[in-house]
N, C-alpha and C. Protein backbone atom coordinates (compact mmCIF):
# COMPACT_ATOMS: atom_id res chain seq x y z
N UNK A 1 47.08 50.58 77.28
CA UNK A 1 48.26 51.46 77.68
C UNK A 1 49.55 50.72 76.76
N UNK A 2 50.39 51.20 76.15
CA UNK A 2 51.41 50.84 75.28
C UNK A 2 52.77 50.43 75.97
N UNK A 3 53.41 49.66 75.90
CA UNK A 3 54.81 49.21 76.97
C UNK A 3 55.64 49.98 76.08
N UNK A 4 56.65 50.57 76.92
CA UNK A 4 57.90 51.16 76.12
C UNK A 4 58.98 50.17 76.09
N UNK A 5 59.82 50.18 74.90
CA UNK A 5 60.99 49.10 74.93
C UNK A 5 61.98 50.26 74.69
N UNK A 6 63.00 49.76 75.53
CA UNK A 6 64.30 50.14 75.73
C UNK A 6 65.02 50.48 74.62
N UNK A 7 65.90 51.38 73.87
CA UNK A 7 66.37 51.36 72.50
C UNK A 7 67.71 50.37 72.99
N UNK A 8 67.97 50.14 71.89
CA UNK A 8 68.97 49.05 72.10
C UNK A 8 70.48 49.74 72.17
N UNK A 9 71.64 49.87 72.89
CA UNK A 9 72.86 50.22 73.21
C UNK A 9 73.43 50.69 71.88
N UNK A 10 74.26 51.65 71.77
CA UNK A 10 74.80 52.06 70.80
C UNK A 10 76.30 51.26 70.58
N UNK A 11 76.46 51.08 69.36
CA UNK A 11 77.89 49.81 69.15
C UNK A 11 79.23 50.87 69.06
N UNK A 12 80.28 50.10 69.54
CA UNK A 12 81.58 50.66 69.02
C UNK A 12 81.71 50.77 67.36
N UNK A 13 81.15 49.79 66.91
CA UNK A 13 81.33 49.71 65.37
C UNK A 13 80.15 49.68 64.74
N UNK A 14 79.56 50.60 64.16
CA UNK A 14 78.33 50.71 63.64
C UNK A 14 78.03 49.60 62.65
N UNK A 15 76.99 49.20 62.60
CA UNK A 15 76.62 48.17 61.92
C UNK A 15 77.34 46.54 61.92
N UNK A 16 78.06 46.83 62.89
CA UNK A 16 78.41 45.36 63.22
C UNK A 16 77.67 44.63 64.04
N UNK A 17 78.03 43.44 63.80
CA UNK A 17 77.16 42.09 64.36
C UNK A 17 77.54 41.97 65.94
N UNK A 18 78.57 42.50 66.11
CA UNK A 18 79.07 42.28 67.46
C UNK A 18 78.58 43.76 68.75
N UNK A 19 78.91 43.25 70.02
CA UNK A 19 78.38 44.69 70.85
C UNK A 19 79.86 44.69 71.26
N UNK A 20 79.89 45.84 72.70
CA UNK A 20 81.26 46.35 72.94
C UNK A 20 81.44 45.21 73.88
N UNK A 21 80.91 44.27 74.33
CA UNK A 21 81.82 43.20 74.88
C UNK A 21 82.39 42.20 74.32
N UNK A 22 82.32 41.84 73.04
CA UNK A 22 83.02 41.22 72.12
C UNK A 22 84.32 41.88 71.85
N UNK A 23 84.19 43.72 71.54
CA UNK A 23 85.44 44.19 71.02
C UNK A 23 86.22 44.26 72.72
N UNK A 24 85.87 44.42 73.78
CA UNK A 24 86.63 44.33 74.94
C UNK A 24 87.00 43.13 74.97
N UNK A 25 86.83 42.07 75.01
CA UNK A 25 87.58 40.63 74.83
C UNK A 25 88.41 40.74 73.85
N UNK A 26 88.71 41.33 72.36
CA UNK A 26 89.52 41.54 71.81
C UNK A 26 90.50 42.28 72.35
N UNK A 27 90.57 43.28 72.52
CA UNK A 27 91.31 44.23 73.15
C UNK A 27 92.10 43.72 74.24
N UNK A 28 91.52 43.51 75.07
CA UNK A 28 92.04 42.74 76.35
C UNK A 28 92.88 41.60 75.90
N UNK A 29 92.66 40.76 74.99
CA UNK A 29 93.26 39.51 74.48
C UNK A 29 94.72 40.13 73.91
N UNK A 30 94.77 41.10 73.80
CA UNK A 30 96.29 41.79 73.12
C UNK A 30 96.83 41.06 72.06
N UNK A 31 96.50 40.80 70.90
CA UNK A 31 97.05 40.06 69.84
C UNK A 31 96.97 38.86 69.96
N UNK A 32 96.63 37.95 70.72
CA UNK A 32 96.64 36.33 70.91
C UNK A 32 95.25 35.98 70.26
N UNK A 33 94.84 36.12 69.08
CA UNK A 33 93.68 36.15 68.28
C UNK A 33 93.50 34.83 68.17
N UNK A 34 94.27 33.84 67.57
CA UNK A 34 94.11 32.64 67.54
C UNK A 34 93.73 31.85 68.82
N UNK A 35 93.93 32.23 69.63
CA UNK A 35 93.66 31.54 71.10
C UNK A 35 92.37 32.04 71.65
N UNK A 36 92.03 33.18 71.37
CA UNK A 36 90.72 34.11 71.55
C UNK A 36 89.64 33.57 70.70
N UNK A 37 90.09 32.84 69.42
CA UNK A 37 89.29 32.19 68.45
C UNK A 37 88.78 30.92 68.83
N UNK A 38 89.83 30.19 69.39
CA UNK A 38 89.91 29.14 69.43
C UNK A 38 88.70 28.91 70.99
N UNK A 39 88.83 29.62 71.81
CA UNK A 39 87.89 29.74 73.29
C UNK A 39 86.67 30.08 72.86
N UNK A 40 86.57 30.92 71.85
CA UNK A 40 85.22 31.26 71.64
C UNK A 40 84.29 30.29 70.81
N UNK A 41 85.38 29.39 70.05
CA UNK A 41 84.71 28.22 69.27
C UNK A 41 84.19 27.04 69.95
N UNK A 42 84.87 26.99 71.16
CA UNK A 42 84.47 25.98 72.32
C UNK A 42 83.17 26.32 72.81
N UNK A 43 82.80 27.66 72.44
CA UNK A 43 81.35 28.20 73.15
C UNK A 43 80.46 28.37 72.29
N UNK A 44 80.71 27.75 70.93
CA UNK A 44 80.00 27.72 69.85
C UNK A 44 79.93 29.06 69.31
N UNK A 45 80.80 30.25 69.53
CA UNK A 45 80.84 31.46 68.78
C UNK A 45 81.85 31.51 67.91
N UNK A 46 81.45 31.02 66.59
CA UNK A 46 82.45 31.06 65.57
C UNK A 46 82.64 32.42 64.88
N UNK A 47 84.00 32.85 64.88
CA UNK A 47 84.12 34.32 64.35
C UNK A 47 85.28 34.14 63.27
N UNK A 48 85.32 34.58 62.26
CA UNK A 48 86.51 34.35 61.26
C UNK A 48 87.62 35.23 61.68
N UNK A 49 88.50 35.13 61.38
CA UNK A 49 89.87 36.19 62.02
C UNK A 49 89.71 37.22 61.45
N UNK A 50 89.32 37.43 60.45
CA UNK A 50 89.23 38.66 59.57
C UNK A 50 88.35 39.53 59.98
N UNK A 51 87.47 38.87 60.50
CA UNK A 51 86.19 39.93 61.10
C UNK A 51 86.76 40.93 62.46
N UNK A 52 87.59 39.99 63.29
CA UNK A 52 88.22 40.65 64.33
C UNK A 52 89.61 41.43 63.83
N UNK A 53 90.06 41.00 63.04
CA UNK A 53 91.11 42.02 62.35
C UNK A 53 90.47 43.50 61.63
N UNK A 54 89.58 43.16 60.67
CA UNK A 54 88.89 44.23 60.53
C UNK A 54 88.13 45.09 61.57
N UNK A 55 87.71 44.71 62.50
CA UNK A 55 87.18 45.18 63.57
C UNK A 55 88.39 45.96 64.21
N UNK A 56 89.32 45.63 64.57
CA UNK A 56 90.48 46.22 65.26
C UNK A 56 91.19 47.38 64.66
N UNK A 57 90.87 47.57 62.96
CA UNK A 57 91.42 48.55 62.44
C UNK A 57 90.27 49.43 62.42
N UNK A 58 89.10 49.11 62.65
CA UNK A 58 88.06 50.13 62.74
C UNK A 58 88.08 50.86 63.92
N UNK A 59 88.46 50.14 64.92
CA UNK A 59 88.63 50.41 66.58
C UNK A 59 89.67 51.68 66.61
N UNK A 60 90.44 51.61 65.68
CA UNK A 60 91.95 52.22 65.71
C UNK A 60 91.91 53.44 66.23
N UNK A 61 90.91 54.58 65.77
CA UNK A 61 90.62 55.66 65.52
C UNK A 61 90.37 56.28 67.22
N UNK A 62 89.45 55.15 67.95
CA UNK A 62 88.79 55.69 68.98
C UNK A 62 90.07 55.43 69.94
N UNK A 63 91.13 54.97 69.93
CA UNK A 63 92.36 55.06 70.71
C UNK A 63 93.32 56.02 70.25
N UNK A 64 93.34 56.67 69.27
CA UNK A 64 94.70 57.72 68.67
C UNK A 64 94.53 58.86 69.76
N UNK A 65 93.64 59.39 70.34
CA UNK A 65 93.70 60.40 71.16
C UNK A 65 94.63 59.98 72.53
N UNK A 66 94.24 58.87 72.95
CA UNK A 66 94.84 58.27 73.83
C UNK A 66 96.59 57.88 73.74
N UNK A 67 96.71 57.51 72.66
CA UNK A 67 98.22 57.17 71.95
C UNK A 67 98.67 58.13 71.90
N UNK A 68 98.18 59.39 71.48
CA UNK A 68 99.12 60.68 71.33
C UNK A 68 99.21 61.31 72.84
N UNK A 69 98.20 61.39 73.67
CA UNK A 69 98.85 61.59 74.77
C UNK A 69 99.71 60.96 75.36
N UNK A 70 99.90 59.55 75.39
CA UNK A 70 100.84 58.80 76.29
C UNK A 70 102.10 59.13 75.54
N UNK A 71 101.97 58.76 74.22
CA UNK A 71 103.47 59.56 73.44
C UNK A 71 103.77 60.91 73.81
N UNK A 72 103.22 61.60 73.92
CA UNK A 72 103.40 62.92 74.83
C UNK A 72 104.11 63.14 75.84
N UNK A 73 103.27 62.40 76.72
CA UNK A 73 103.98 62.27 78.38
C UNK A 73 105.16 61.42 78.25
N UNK A 74 105.47 60.48 77.82
CA UNK A 74 106.47 59.67 77.73
C UNK A 74 107.34 60.75 77.29
N UNK A 75 107.28 61.51 76.12
CA UNK A 75 108.18 62.12 75.68
C UNK A 75 109.20 63.30 76.77
N UNK A 76 108.09 63.61 77.55
CA UNK A 76 108.73 64.69 78.63
C UNK A 76 109.27 63.82 79.98
N UNK A 77 109.23 62.59 79.75
CA UNK A 77 110.21 61.87 81.03
C UNK A 77 111.56 61.73 80.83
N UNK A 78 112.09 61.85 82.07
CA UNK A 78 113.44 61.71 81.97
C UNK A 78 114.05 60.34 82.16
N UNK A 79 113.41 59.62 82.32
CA UNK A 79 113.55 57.75 82.36
C UNK A 79 112.63 57.13 81.34
N UNK A 80 113.35 56.13 81.03
CA UNK A 80 112.96 55.20 80.14
C UNK A 80 113.16 53.90 80.59
N UNK A 81 112.03 53.15 80.00
CA UNK A 81 111.69 51.93 80.47
C UNK A 81 111.72 50.99 79.10
N UNK A 82 112.99 49.83 79.08
CA UNK A 82 112.78 48.73 78.24
C UNK A 82 112.45 47.57 78.30
N UNK A 83 111.90 46.80 76.96
CA UNK A 83 111.27 45.58 77.82
C UNK A 83 112.87 44.59 77.43
N UNK A 84 112.89 43.57 78.47
CA UNK A 84 114.01 42.94 78.89
C UNK A 84 113.63 41.36 77.98
N UNK A 85 113.17 41.39 76.67
CA UNK A 85 112.64 40.16 76.30
C UNK A 85 113.86 39.27 75.88
N UNK A 86 113.70 38.15 76.37
CA UNK A 86 114.74 37.26 76.33
C UNK A 86 114.61 36.33 75.03
N UNK A 87 115.61 35.87 74.37
CA UNK A 87 115.60 35.19 72.76
C UNK A 87 116.28 33.91 73.36
N UNK A 88 115.89 32.65 72.87
CA UNK A 88 116.82 31.55 72.84
C UNK A 88 117.36 31.71 71.56
N UNK A 89 118.88 31.61 71.59
CA UNK A 89 119.79 31.68 70.64
C UNK A 89 120.38 30.12 70.67
N UNK A 90 120.24 29.72 69.62
CA UNK A 90 120.93 28.11 69.57
C UNK A 90 122.18 28.31 68.75
N UNK A 91 123.17 28.98 69.34
CA UNK A 91 124.18 29.24 68.36
C UNK A 91 125.71 29.42 69.63
N UNK A 92 126.68 28.41 69.33
CA UNK A 92 127.69 28.97 70.02
C UNK A 92 128.70 30.06 69.69
N UNK A 93 128.78 31.03 70.49
CA UNK A 93 129.37 32.31 70.51
C UNK A 93 130.42 32.23 71.63
N UNK A 94 131.59 32.77 71.12
CA UNK A 94 132.85 33.02 71.94
C UNK A 94 132.18 33.90 72.90
N UNK A 95 132.71 33.82 74.19
CA UNK A 95 132.33 34.59 75.25
C UNK A 95 130.97 34.68 75.87
N UNK A 96 130.14 34.03 75.39
CA UNK A 96 128.47 33.52 76.05
C UNK A 96 128.56 32.04 76.45
N UNK A 97 127.76 31.84 77.64
CA UNK A 97 127.94 30.43 77.82
C UNK A 97 125.97 30.42 78.18
N UNK A 98 125.72 29.47 77.60
CA UNK A 98 124.33 29.21 77.72
C UNK A 98 123.52 29.80 75.92
N UNK A 99 122.37 29.48 76.14
CA UNK A 99 121.44 29.83 74.84
C UNK A 99 120.70 30.90 75.15
N UNK A 100 120.27 31.74 76.12
CA UNK A 100 119.47 32.74 76.52
C UNK A 100 120.12 34.01 76.67
N UNK A 101 119.87 35.00 75.49
CA UNK A 101 120.39 35.97 75.57
C UNK A 101 119.37 37.08 75.70
N UNK A 102 119.72 38.45 75.90
CA UNK A 102 118.67 39.40 75.79
C UNK A 102 119.10 40.66 75.07
N UNK A 103 118.17 41.48 74.48
CA UNK A 103 118.31 42.48 73.63
C UNK A 103 118.56 43.53 74.37
């Protein structure tokens, strides 16, 4: 009687050392790669930043359809949202009080 062995799951990036869970962490981390790599380092999971950068570039085609659909849908909207990112500007400017400005 022979034992059946389950096949390994397919990888998002063929021939990659890493499985889906690593790339999910990378995408959820949203570009704070240094922080993520430091956290992984504390777990003795050392990964080069270039490996992550290359992986993100190789994953990009998987998101192209979603990106295109979001752009198309947003183009049909009558309302647009802006990012109210604030900037600390350490410059005295007539008419402004304080150093926090918005773009």
